[in-house]
Amino acid sequence: MSIQKLITTGQTLMALGLFLLCISCQKEHVEISEPDKSTAITANDIVAGLILKVALKDGSYDNIIDRCSEISIQFPYSIHVRNEIIEITSVEDIETLKLEYFQFRNSIHIIYPVTVIYSDYSESILTNTGDLHKIQNQYHSKDADADIECIDFIYPIEITLYNTSYQKSDFRTIKSDKDLHEVFHDINDQIIAIQYPIHLETSDGNTFTINDNVELEREISKVENSCNEEDDEEFSDEDYPYEALLLREEWKILLFKDTTNETSRFRSYGLDFKADKTVQAKSGKEMVYGTWELTINENLKQLKIKFNTDKTPINWLNQEWEITNTNPVIIKMEAESDSEESEKKLILQASNNSN
């Protein structure tokens, strides 16, 4: 055999070897193991829909401005209220707006253009009020806002995606609801495996651990409709954020009056209302603990206070107080008196506004 033929034959054999090696490598690549049934999620699984609802963007927090739970306005933007221009840069700004301008809620005007974000994280630019009204009419008629706000995932979460069409796998770290929505909004050709354990948090602050899909479906379903999602799009007086007002400040007692004015007895005390429904009365090193309960509806605005003491004057506050008037720094209340000729009056003033 000539040298030229030897070279040609060697090149052919080398090419064939490389081809077979590539086939071998390809076979190794496609032979992936699908996840265990306890962690695998497909498009037809109930838990997939529940996860997607939890991951939807909640647009209700700025409803006092845009009156639509399907959208939220992208920060920063500005509004016009009572000859004032107010810049909105955060959720905290909106909470302040609710407290300080609630009575002017029907006079809030958005300064356009603004970018709005939908529940599926898509975006559009609104150039005028007409654009906003079109969105409001579209989603109000559909009774939108399908998101589950009573529970949240604690990130990061590790997942594996198995593409059933191309036999490929992909590992991802999910860092936000937006990331989670991106994965679960269309999983027709995929199997998703969550790397358990993961952690969730309910709207009342409780956290717990989930170890498989059965637990995850059960826990989300359990709280799906268990909290007040505050998706109001029209606001009445009882929608004023009384609880947020109580929690925002420490309060001084500006007036306590029964048959006589006893305000001076409370001069050194401050009241601190906590989110866990406890309240503390502080006077120097003295601390008295109690509980509080707020009832707000169309017919009743009531704050019930109960301190764990018989000591005066703090035990005088143990009443079901009817809230008669509020503003960002004053809460006025009344309660029944032991005397038929008088009525108890209690006025709280925000400490940072005290004289």
Protein backbone atom coordinates (compact mmCIF):
# COMPACT_ATOMS: atom_id res chain seq x y z
CA MET A 1 0.00 0.00 0.00
CA SER A 2 1.38 3.46 -0.95
CA ILE A 3 2.21 6.07 1.64
CA GLN A 4 -0.54 8.32 0.22
CA LYS A 5 -3.16 5.57 0.71
CA LEU A 6 -1.95 4.98 4.26
CA ILE A 7 -2.37 8.64 5.08
CA THR A 8 -5.84 8.73 3.53
CA THR A 9 -6.91 5.59 5.38
CA GLY A 10 -5.56 6.96 8.68
CA GLN A 11 -7.43 10.21 8.21
CA THR A 12 -10.64 8.31 7.48
CA LEU A 13 -10.26 6.14 10.56
CA MET A 14 -9.54 9.21 12.71
CA ALA A 15 -12.62 10.98 11.37
CA LEU A 16 -14.73 7.88 11.99
CA GLY A 17 -13.40 7.64 15.54
CA LEU A 18 -14.22 11.27 16.23
CA PHE A 19 -17.73 10.76 14.82
CA LEU A 20 -18.34 7.73 17.03
CA LEU A 21 -16.98 9.63 20.04
CA CYS A 22 -19.38 12.49 19.35
CA ILE A 23 -22.30 10.05 19.12
CA SER A 24 -21.23 8.46 22.37
CA CYS A 25 -21.01 11.87 24.08
CA GLN A 26 -24.40 12.87 22.68
CA LYS A 27 -25.99 9.71 24.04
CA GLU A 28 -24.48 10.45 27.44
CA HIS A 29 -25.94 13.98 27.29
CA VAL A 30 -29.52 13.00 26.47
CA GLU A 31 -29.75 10.16 28.95
CA ILE A 32 -30.90 12.28 31.91
CA SER A 33 -32.86 11.06 34.87
CA GLU A 34 -36.25 12.67 35.45
CA PRO A 35 -36.97 13.89 38.99
CA ASP A 36 -38.69 11.97 41.73
CA LYS A 37 -42.50 12.14 41.67
CA SER A 38 -42.55 13.90 45.06
CA THR A 39 -40.62 16.85 43.62
CA ALA A 40 -41.63 16.79 39.91
CA ILE A 41 -44.17 19.38 38.74
CA THR A 42 -45.86 19.40 35.33
CA ALA A 43 -48.31 21.81 33.70
CA ASN A 44 -51.31 19.67 34.68
CA ASP A 45 -50.49 19.58 38.40
CA ILE A 46 -52.68 21.69 40.72
CA VAL A 47 -49.61 22.86 42.60
CA ALA A 48 -48.23 24.47 39.42
CA GLY A 49 -51.26 26.78 39.21
CA LEU A 50 -51.04 27.64 42.90
CA ILE A 51 -47.35 28.52 42.60
CA LEU A 52 -48.11 30.77 39.64
CA LYS A 53 -50.81 32.61 41.62
CA VAL A 54 -48.41 33.22 44.50
CA ALA A 55 -45.80 34.52 42.03
CA LEU A 56 -48.16 37.02 40.34
CA LYS A 57 -47.33 40.66 41.02
CA ASP A 58 -49.73 42.24 43.49
CA GLY A 59 -50.92 45.56 42.13
CA SER A 60 -53.29 46.48 44.95
CA TYR A 61 -50.85 48.42 47.14
CA ASP A 62 -51.20 51.59 45.03
CA ASN A 63 -54.96 51.33 44.38
CA ILE A 64 -55.58 54.64 46.09
CA ILE A 65 -53.73 56.15 43.10
CA ASP A 66 -54.52 53.96 40.07
CA ARG A 67 -57.76 52.25 41.29
CA CYS A 68 -56.81 48.95 39.62
CA SER A 69 -55.41 45.80 41.26
CA GLU A 70 -54.13 44.37 37.97
CA ILE A 71 -51.44 47.04 37.62
CA SER A 72 -48.97 49.00 39.70
CA ILE A 73 -47.17 52.15 38.63
CA GLN A 74 -43.40 51.92 38.29
CA PHE A 75 -41.41 54.13 40.65
CA PRO A 76 -40.59 56.98 40.56
CA TYR A 77 -43.53 59.07 39.41
CA SER A 78 -45.43 62.14 40.59
CA ILE A 79 -49.02 62.94 41.50
CA HIS A 80 -50.95 66.16 41.96
CA VAL A 81 -53.05 66.59 45.14
CA ARG A 82 -54.59 69.87 46.38
CA ASN A 83 -52.15 72.15 44.55
CA GLU A 84 -49.24 70.00 45.69
CA ILE A 85 -46.97 67.83 43.57
CA ILE A 86 -45.89 64.73 45.48
CA GLU A 87 -43.16 62.39 44.28
CA ILE A 88 -43.87 58.69 44.82
CA THR A 89 -40.65 56.66 45.05
CA SER A 90 -41.61 53.70 47.26
CA VAL A 91 -44.42 51.76 48.93
CA GLU A 92 -43.68 53.77 52.07
CA ASP A 93 -44.58 56.96 50.18
CA ILE A 94 -47.94 55.42 49.27
CA GLU A 95 -48.61 54.44 52.90
CA THR A 96 -47.83 58.00 53.96
CA LEU A 97 -50.16 59.29 51.26
CA LYS A 98 -52.98 57.10 52.60
CA LEU A 99 -52.53 58.48 56.10
CA GLU A 100 -52.00 62.14 55.32
CA TYR A 101 -54.18 62.67 52.24
CA PHE A 102 -56.90 60.05 52.60
CA GLN A 103 -59.67 62.63 52.84
CA PHE A 104 -58.50 63.99 49.47
CA ARG A 105 -58.35 60.55 47.85
CA ASN A 106 -60.74 61.52 45.05
CA SER A 107 -58.55 64.46 44.08
CA ILE A 108 -55.38 62.49 43.32
CA HIS A 109 -54.18 63.03 39.74
CA ILE A 110 -51.30 61.14 38.13
CA ILE A 111 -48.75 63.19 36.21
CA TYR A 112 -48.20 61.39 32.88
CA PRO A 113 -46.49 59.60 31.23
CA VAL A 114 -46.03 56.66 33.59
CA THR A 115 -45.03 53.02 33.13
CA VAL A 116 -47.38 50.41 34.57
CA ILE A 117 -46.50 46.82 35.44
CA TYR A 118 -49.15 44.10 35.06
CA SER A 119 -49.59 41.07 37.29
CA ASP A 120 -47.61 38.98 34.77
CA TYR A 121 -44.72 41.51 34.92
CA SER A 122 -45.32 42.85 31.40
CA GLU A 123 -45.21 46.63 31.04
CA SER A 124 -46.83 49.43 29.09
CA ILE A 125 -46.61 53.22 29.02
CA LEU A 126 -49.67 55.31 29.80
CA THR A 127 -49.73 58.82 28.36
CA ASN A 128 -53.04 60.10 29.72
CA THR A 129 -56.04 59.36 31.92
CA GLY A 130 -57.85 57.75 29.01
CA ASP A 131 -55.18 55.03 28.81
CA LEU A 132 -55.67 54.31 32.52
CA HIS A 133 -59.47 54.18 32.19
CA LYS A 134 -59.20 51.58 29.42
CA ILE A 135 -57.19 49.30 31.74
CA GLN A 136 -59.55 49.90 34.66
CA ASN A 137 -62.60 49.06 32.56
CA GLN A 138 -60.95 45.98 31.08
CA TYR A 139 -59.95 44.41 34.38
CA HIS A 140 -62.81 45.61 36.57
CA SER A 141 -65.25 43.84 34.27
CA LYS A 142 -63.26 40.62 34.51
CA ASP A 143 -63.00 40.78 38.29
CA ALA A 144 -59.25 40.31 37.93
CA ASP A 145 -56.56 40.03 40.58
CA ALA A 146 -56.14 36.29 40.91
CA ASP A 147 -52.92 36.52 42.88
CA ILE A 148 -52.59 34.82 46.26
CA GLU A 149 -51.30 37.40 48.74
CA CYS A 150 -51.73 35.38 51.93
CA ILE A 151 -48.43 33.52 51.54
CA ASP A 152 -44.99 34.19 50.05
CA PHE A 153 -41.96 32.14 49.08
CA ILE A 154 -38.71 32.88 50.89
CA TYR A 155 -35.91 33.12 48.33
CA PRO A 156 -33.57 31.89 46.98
CA ILE A 157 -35.04 28.60 45.72
CA GLU A 158 -33.09 26.09 43.63
CA ILE A 159 -34.94 24.32 40.81
CA THR A 160 -34.13 21.98 37.92
CA LEU A 161 -35.97 22.25 34.59
CA TYR A 162 -36.26 19.15 32.40
CA ASN A 163 -37.21 19.85 28.77
CA THR A 164 -39.18 16.77 27.65
CA SER A 165 -38.91 17.64 23.95
CA TYR A 166 -35.14 18.10 23.75
CA GLN A 167 -34.13 15.93 26.70
CA LYS A 168 -32.11 18.67 28.33
CA SER A 169 -31.87 19.86 31.90
CA ASP A 170 -31.18 23.30 33.30
CA PHE A 171 -30.43 24.39 36.87
CA ARG A 172 -31.66 27.77 38.09
CA THR A 173 -31.60 29.85 41.25
CA ILE A 174 -34.92 31.66 41.73
CA LYS A 175 -34.43 34.96 43.55
CA SER A 176 -37.83 36.66 43.27
CA ASP A 177 -41.51 36.25 42.40
CA LYS A 178 -40.70 37.60 38.95
CA ASP A 179 -38.14 34.81 38.40
CA LEU A 180 -40.66 32.23 39.62
CA HIS A 181 -43.38 33.55 37.32
CA GLU A 182 -41.01 33.45 34.36
CA VAL A 183 -40.47 29.73 34.96
CA PHE A 184 -44.06 28.68 35.71
CA HIS A 185 -46.11 30.80 33.30
CA ASP A 186 -45.56 28.27 30.46
CA ILE A 187 -44.30 24.80 31.39
CA ASN A 188 -46.09 22.67 28.76
CA ASP A 189 -42.88 20.97 27.59
CA GLN A 190 -41.13 20.91 30.92
CA ILE A 191 -40.91 19.06 34.18
CA ILE A 192 -39.82 21.23 37.09
CA ALA A 193 -38.17 19.86 40.20
CA ILE A 194 -37.92 22.02 43.30
CA GLN A 195 -34.90 21.37 45.49
CA TYR A 196 -36.53 20.86 48.88
CA PRO A 197 -36.67 21.90 51.64
CA ILE A 198 -37.94 25.40 50.93
CA HIS A 199 -39.46 28.03 53.25
CA LEU A 200 -42.68 30.04 53.09
CA GLU A 201 -44.07 32.96 55.08
CA THR A 202 -47.74 33.76 55.70
CA SER A 203 -49.19 37.28 55.76
CA ASP A 204 -49.28 37.21 59.58
CA GLY A 205 -45.50 36.63 59.75
CA ASN A 206 -45.37 32.88 60.43
CA THR A 207 -42.66 30.94 58.57
CA PHE A 208 -42.50 27.20 57.98
CA THR A 209 -40.60 24.56 56.04
CA ILE A 210 -41.92 22.56 53.06
CA ASN A 211 -40.39 19.20 52.14
CA ASP A 212 -42.32 18.03 49.05
CA ASN A 213 -45.03 18.94 46.52
CA VAL A 214 -47.85 17.47 48.61
CA GLU A 215 -46.99 19.74 51.54
CA LEU A 216 -46.59 22.73 49.23
CA GLU A 217 -50.02 22.27 47.62
CA ARG A 218 -51.67 21.73 50.99
CA GLU A 219 -50.15 24.81 52.66
CA ILE A 220 -50.88 27.20 49.79
CA SER A 221 -54.46 25.91 49.45
CA LYS A 222 -54.98 26.25 53.20
CA VAL A 223 -54.33 30.00 53.24
CA GLU A 224 -55.45 30.89 49.71
CA ASN A 225 -58.48 32.86 50.91
CA SER A 226 -57.64 33.32 54.56
CA CYS A 227 -56.44 36.93 54.61
CA ASN A 228 -57.87 40.30 53.69
CA GLU A 229 -56.08 41.16 50.47
CA GLU A 230 -57.20 44.82 50.57
CA ASP A 231 -57.98 44.95 46.86
CA ASP A 232 -60.40 47.86 47.15
CA GLU A 233 -60.61 49.99 44.04
CA GLU A 234 -63.09 52.47 45.49
CA PHE A 235 -62.53 53.81 49.00
CA SER A 236 -64.95 54.86 51.73
CA ASP A 237 -64.27 56.32 55.18
CA GLU A 238 -63.94 52.91 56.85
CA ASP A 239 -61.06 52.09 54.49
CA TYR A 240 -58.84 54.60 56.28
CA PRO A 241 -55.70 52.72 57.46
CA TYR A 242 -56.42 52.94 61.20
CA GLU A 243 -54.12 50.05 62.06
CA ALA A 244 -51.22 51.52 60.11
CA LEU A 245 -51.78 54.79 61.95
CA LEU A 246 -51.65 53.08 65.37
CA LEU A 247 -48.47 51.21 64.49
CA ARG A 248 -46.76 54.19 62.91
CA GLU A 249 -46.17 56.20 66.05
CA GLU A 250 -45.78 56.04 69.81
CA TRP A 251 -48.66 57.95 71.35
CA LYS A 252 -49.03 60.40 74.21
CA ILE A 253 -52.33 60.92 76.01
CA LEU A 254 -53.42 64.43 75.14
CA LEU A 255 -56.74 64.13 76.98
CA PHE A 256 -58.38 61.69 79.37
CA LYS A 257 -61.67 62.86 80.79
CA ASP A 258 -64.42 61.02 82.62
CA THR A 259 -66.46 62.89 85.22
CA THR A 260 -63.35 65.01 85.71
CA ASN A 261 -60.29 65.78 83.62
CA GLU A 262 -57.56 63.32 84.64
CA THR A 263 -55.07 64.05 81.83
CA SER A 264 -52.32 65.07 84.26
CA ARG A 265 -52.26 61.52 85.69
CA PHE A 266 -51.07 60.25 82.28
CA ARG A 267 -48.50 62.97 81.67
CA SER A 268 -45.47 60.64 81.81
CA TYR A 269 -46.99 57.72 79.88
CA GLY A 270 -46.54 56.74 76.25
CA LEU A 271 -48.50 54.04 74.43
CA ASP A 272 -46.77 51.78 71.93
CA PHE A 273 -49.07 49.59 69.80
CA LYS A 274 -47.37 46.52 68.27
CA ALA A 275 -48.22 44.53 65.12
CA ASP A 276 -48.73 41.37 67.21
CA LYS A 277 -51.70 43.09 68.87
CA THR A 278 -49.88 43.84 72.11
CA VAL A 279 -49.57 47.31 73.59
CA GLN A 280 -47.08 48.76 76.07
CA ALA A 281 -47.62 51.68 78.42
CA LYS A 282 -44.25 53.24 79.24
CA SER A 283 -43.38 55.65 82.01
CA GLY A 284 -39.66 55.94 82.68
CA LYS A 285 -38.52 52.44 83.67
CA GLU A 286 -42.08 51.31 84.33
CA MET A 287 -43.64 49.11 81.65
CA VAL A 288 -47.22 47.81 81.64
CA TYR A 289 -48.28 45.25 79.04
CA GLY A 290 -51.65 44.69 77.45
CA THR A 291 -53.48 43.84 74.22
CA TRP A 292 -55.45 45.77 71.63
CA GLU A 293 -58.08 44.89 69.04
CA LEU A 294 -59.34 47.06 66.20
CA THR A 295 -62.81 46.64 64.69
CA ILE A 296 -63.56 48.70 61.60
CA ASN A 297 -66.68 48.37 59.47
CA GLU A 298 -69.46 50.52 58.07
CA ASN A 299 -71.23 50.82 61.43
CA LEU A 300 -68.39 50.59 63.94
CA LYS A 301 -64.91 52.01 64.41
CA GLN A 302 -63.71 50.64 67.72
CA LEU A 303 -60.39 50.20 69.54
CA LYS A 304 -60.51 47.75 72.45
CA ILE A 305 -57.68 48.15 74.99
CA LYS A 306 -56.96 45.73 77.83
CA PHE A 307 -53.95 46.21 80.14
CA ASN A 308 -52.99 43.41 82.52
CA THR A 309 -53.12 45.54 85.65
CA ASP A 310 -55.49 46.95 88.25
CA LYS A 311 -53.20 49.91 88.81
CA THR A 312 -54.54 53.39 88.15
CA PRO A 313 -54.47 55.31 85.95
CA ILE A 314 -53.52 52.72 83.29
CA ASN A 315 -56.48 50.46 84.08
CA TRP A 316 -58.78 53.38 83.20
CA LEU A 317 -57.83 52.79 79.57
CA ASN A 318 -59.39 49.31 79.64
CA GLN A 319 -62.37 50.12 77.47
CA GLU A 320 -63.99 49.58 74.10
CA TRP A 321 -63.26 52.99 72.64
CA GLU A 322 -65.28 54.30 69.71
CA ILE A 323 -63.04 56.19 67.28
CA THR A 324 -64.76 59.48 66.45
CA ASN A 325 -62.08 61.31 64.47
CA THR A 326 -58.53 60.83 63.22
CA ASN A 327 -55.77 62.51 61.31
CA PRO A 328 -52.07 61.59 60.97
CA VAL A 329 -51.25 62.91 64.46
CA ILE A 330 -54.51 62.73 66.47
CA ILE A 331 -56.91 59.91 67.38
CA LYS A 332 -60.10 60.98 69.17
CA MET A 333 -62.19 58.36 71.01
CA GLU A 334 -65.15 58.05 73.34
CA ALA A 335 -66.45 55.32 75.68
CA GLU A 336 -69.30 54.77 78.09
CA SER A 337 -68.85 56.24 81.54
CA ASP A 338 -70.01 54.88 84.89
CA SER A 339 -71.76 58.18 85.30
CA GLU A 340 -74.92 58.75 83.28
CA GLU A 341 -74.15 62.46 83.12
CA SER A 342 -70.82 62.15 81.31
CA GLU A 343 -68.95 60.21 78.66
CA LYS A 344 -65.31 59.17 78.74
CA LYS A 345 -63.10 60.94 76.25
CA LEU A 346 -59.60 59.88 75.16
CA ILE A 347 -57.40 61.74 72.71
CA LEU A 348 -54.06 60.32 71.60
CA GLN A 349 -51.37 62.47 70.02
CA ALA A 350 -48.38 61.21 68.07
CA SER A 351 -45.30 61.62 70.29
CA ASN A 352 -43.16 63.25 67.61
CA ASN A 353 -45.83 65.96 67.29
CA SER A 354 -46.18 66.61 71.02
CA ASN A 355 -45.44 70.08 72.31
